[in-house]
Amino acid sequence: MLLAVDLGLKTGLAVFGADGRLVRYHAQNFGARERLRRGAHGVLRAHDGLTHLVLEGGGDIAALWQREGEKRGLTVWTIHAERWRQALLLPREQRHGADAKRAADGLARAIIAWSGAPAPKGDLRHDAAEAIGAGLWGVLAAGWLDRMPDAVARR
């Protein structure tokens, strides 16, 4: 399994199975750095079968997650949002931050539907949507899918 994390105190999490499909996703507000440190440890421990960890963001929060992932022998990729957006979104969807966030929401909803994962109840938090997009990038980078699924690409 692959876990994608949109980094921050407000964190998005997305878990993908080895078939490349989204299994589950959610957003979590850790509220404080110490809770985030303990929370990262707990999140990784709670997901048996993880082999890959995709971290979207940087800085000391990324370093914290990376250390936890490496302790567990995971393949860890730290990327910036622009990397997965360039691979999965159209150029016109990336012109402005607000456009990219809106496009990430549409992409995430298409991934959710294609995967057969439960639809969000109400709004899809942008943290979760970003984690889902980074997770699909990770699935493609790991070679679990050879291309973006047609149902997702046609969104």
Protein backbone atom coordinates (compact mmCIF):
# COMPACT_ATOMS: atom_id res chain seq x y z
CA MET A 1 0.00 0.00 0.00
CA LEU A 2 0.98 3.61 -0.52
CA LEU A 3 0.19 6.48 1.83
CA ALA A 4 0.19 10.04 0.48
CA VAL A 5 0.32 12.92 2.94
CA ASP A 6 -0.41 16.59 2.26
CA LEU A 7 1.84 18.01 4.96
CA GLY A 8 0.92 20.54 7.62
CA LEU A 9 -0.78 20.73 10.98
CA LYS A 10 -3.91 20.34 8.85
CA THR A 11 -3.00 17.15 7.05
CA GLY A 12 -4.55 15.26 4.15
CA LEU A 13 -4.10 11.49 4.05
CA ALA A 14 -4.82 9.09 1.17
CA VAL A 15 -4.15 5.34 1.10
CA PHE A 16 -3.84 3.47 -2.20
CA GLY A 17 -3.79 -0.30 -2.71
CA ALA A 18 -1.28 -2.18 -4.86
CA ASP A 19 -3.86 -2.17 -7.68
CA GLY A 20 -3.47 1.62 -7.82
CA ARG A 21 -6.94 2.37 -6.48
CA LEU A 22 -7.73 4.71 -3.61
CA VAL A 23 -8.73 2.73 -0.53
CA ARG A 24 -9.47 5.54 1.95
CA TYR A 25 -8.81 9.22 2.54
CA HIS A 26 -9.42 11.89 5.11
CA ALA A 27 -8.16 15.18 6.50
CA GLN A 28 -6.91 15.54 10.04
CA ASN A 29 -6.07 18.63 12.07
CA PHE A 30 -3.25 17.81 14.48
CA GLY A 31 -3.40 21.35 15.91
CA ALA A 32 0.12 21.40 17.39
CA ARG A 33 3.58 20.14 16.41
CA GLU A 34 3.85 17.69 19.31
CA ARG A 35 0.50 16.10 18.42
CA LEU A 36 1.66 15.97 14.79
CA ARG A 37 4.87 14.17 15.79
CA ARG A 38 2.95 11.56 17.78
CA GLY A 39 0.25 11.45 15.14
CA ALA A 40 2.66 10.70 12.28
CA HIS A 41 4.04 7.77 14.23
CA GLY A 42 0.52 6.50 14.93
CA VAL A 43 -0.72 6.95 11.35
CA LEU A 44 2.15 4.93 9.93
CA ARG A 45 1.83 2.24 12.60
CA ALA A 46 -1.91 1.92 11.91
CA HIS A 47 -1.44 1.10 8.22
CA ASP A 48 -0.11 -2.44 7.91
CA GLY A 49 1.28 -3.29 4.51
CA LEU A 50 2.63 0.16 3.63
CA THR A 51 5.57 0.07 1.24
CA HIS A 52 5.57 3.67 -0.07
CA LEU A 53 5.10 7.10 1.47
CA VAL A 54 4.56 10.21 -0.66
CA LEU A 55 4.98 13.50 1.18
CA GLU A 56 3.69 16.66 -0.48
CA GLY A 57 5.48 19.64 0.99
CA GLY A 58 8.78 20.24 2.69
CA GLY A 59 10.60 21.61 5.68
CA ASP A 60 10.84 20.14 9.15
CA ILE A 61 7.36 18.60 8.97
CA ALA A 62 8.46 16.60 5.93
CA ALA A 63 11.64 15.58 7.76
CA LEU A 64 9.56 14.29 10.68
CA TRP A 65 7.38 12.10 8.42
CA GLN A 66 10.42 10.99 6.41
CA ARG A 67 12.24 9.78 9.54
CA GLU A 68 9.17 7.84 10.64
CA GLY A 69 8.79 6.30 7.19
CA GLU A 70 12.45 5.34 6.92
CA LYS A 71 12.33 3.70 10.37
CA ARG A 72 9.69 1.39 8.89
CA GLY A 73 11.70 0.67 5.74
CA LEU A 74 9.30 2.52 3.43
CA THR A 75 10.22 4.04 0.10
CA VAL A 76 9.75 7.75 0.82
CA TRP A 77 9.30 10.44 -1.83
CA THR A 78 9.10 14.10 -0.86
CA ILE A 79 7.63 16.21 -3.63
CA HIS A 80 6.11 19.64 -4.08
CA ALA A 81 2.57 20.05 -5.36
CA GLU A 82 3.85 21.37 -8.69
CA ARG A 83 5.42 17.98 -9.45
CA TRP A 84 2.22 15.95 -9.31
CA ARG A 85 0.15 18.78 -10.76
CA GLN A 86 2.39 18.97 -13.85
CA ALA A 87 1.98 15.23 -14.34
CA LEU A 88 -1.78 15.02 -13.76
CA LEU A 89 -3.40 18.40 -14.46
CA LEU A 90 -3.71 20.37 -17.68
CA PRO A 91 -1.56 23.52 -18.01
CA ARG A 92 -4.64 25.78 -17.88
CA GLU A 93 -5.62 24.15 -14.57
CA GLN A 94 -2.30 25.20 -13.02
CA ARG A 95 -2.16 28.90 -13.91
CA HIS A 96 -3.27 30.19 -10.51
CA GLY A 97 -3.33 28.65 -7.05
CA ALA A 98 -7.13 28.80 -6.87
CA ASP A 99 -7.41 27.10 -10.27
CA ALA A 100 -5.03 24.35 -9.18
CA LYS A 101 -6.96 23.74 -5.95
CA ARG A 102 -10.24 23.54 -7.87
CA ALA A 103 -8.71 21.17 -10.43
CA ALA A 104 -7.24 19.04 -7.61
CA ASP A 105 -10.75 18.71 -6.17
CA GLY A 106 -12.11 17.54 -9.54
CA LEU A 107 -9.22 15.12 -10.00
CA ALA A 108 -9.68 13.73 -6.49
CA ARG A 109 -13.41 13.21 -7.03
CA ALA A 110 -12.69 11.36 -10.30
CA ILE A 111 -10.13 9.15 -8.51
CA ILE A 112 -12.63 8.45 -5.73
CA ALA A 113 -15.31 7.45 -8.23
CA TRP A 114 -12.93 5.32 -10.35
CA SER A 115 -11.64 3.57 -7.24
CA GLY A 116 -15.08 2.86 -5.82
CA ALA A 117 -14.10 4.60 -2.58
CA PRO A 118 -16.85 6.21 -0.52
CA ALA A 119 -17.85 9.64 -1.81
CA PRO A 120 -17.15 12.53 0.57
CA LYS A 121 -19.95 13.55 2.87
CA GLY A 122 -20.26 17.24 2.07
CA ASP A 123 -17.24 19.18 0.90
CA LEU A 124 -13.99 17.42 0.12
CA ARG A 125 -11.27 19.13 2.19
CA HIS A 126 -8.53 20.52 -0.02
CA ASP A 127 -5.92 18.77 2.18
CA ALA A 128 -7.48 15.40 1.36
CA ALA A 129 -7.84 16.30 -2.34
CA GLU A 130 -4.16 17.26 -2.54
CA ALA A 131 -3.14 14.00 -0.83
CA ILE A 132 -5.25 12.03 -3.32
CA GLY A 133 -3.56 13.77 -6.26
CA ALA A 134 -0.09 13.21 -4.80
CA GLY A 135 -1.04 9.60 -4.15
CA LEU A 136 -2.01 8.96 -7.78
CA TRP A 137 1.33 10.48 -8.80
CA GLY A 138 3.01 8.03 -6.39
CA VAL A 139 1.10 5.05 -7.75
CA LEU A 140 2.25 5.96 -11.27
CA ALA A 141 5.84 6.58 -10.10
CA ALA A 142 5.89 3.19 -8.35
CA GLY A 143 4.72 1.52 -11.57
CA TRP A 144 1.50 0.15 -10.05
CA LEU A 145 -0.38 1.72 -12.98
CA ASP A 146 1.21 2.33 -16.36
CA ARG A 147 -0.90 5.42 -17.07
CA MET A 148 -3.63 7.55 -15.60
CA PRO A 149 -6.95 5.68 -15.75
CA ASP A 150 -9.16 6.84 -18.63
CA ALA A 151 -12.06 7.60 -16.27
CA VAL A 152 -9.79 9.94 -14.32
CA ALA A 153 -8.14 11.55 -17.35
CA ARG A 154 -11.53 12.34 -18.94
CA ARG A 155 -12.91 14.09 -15.88
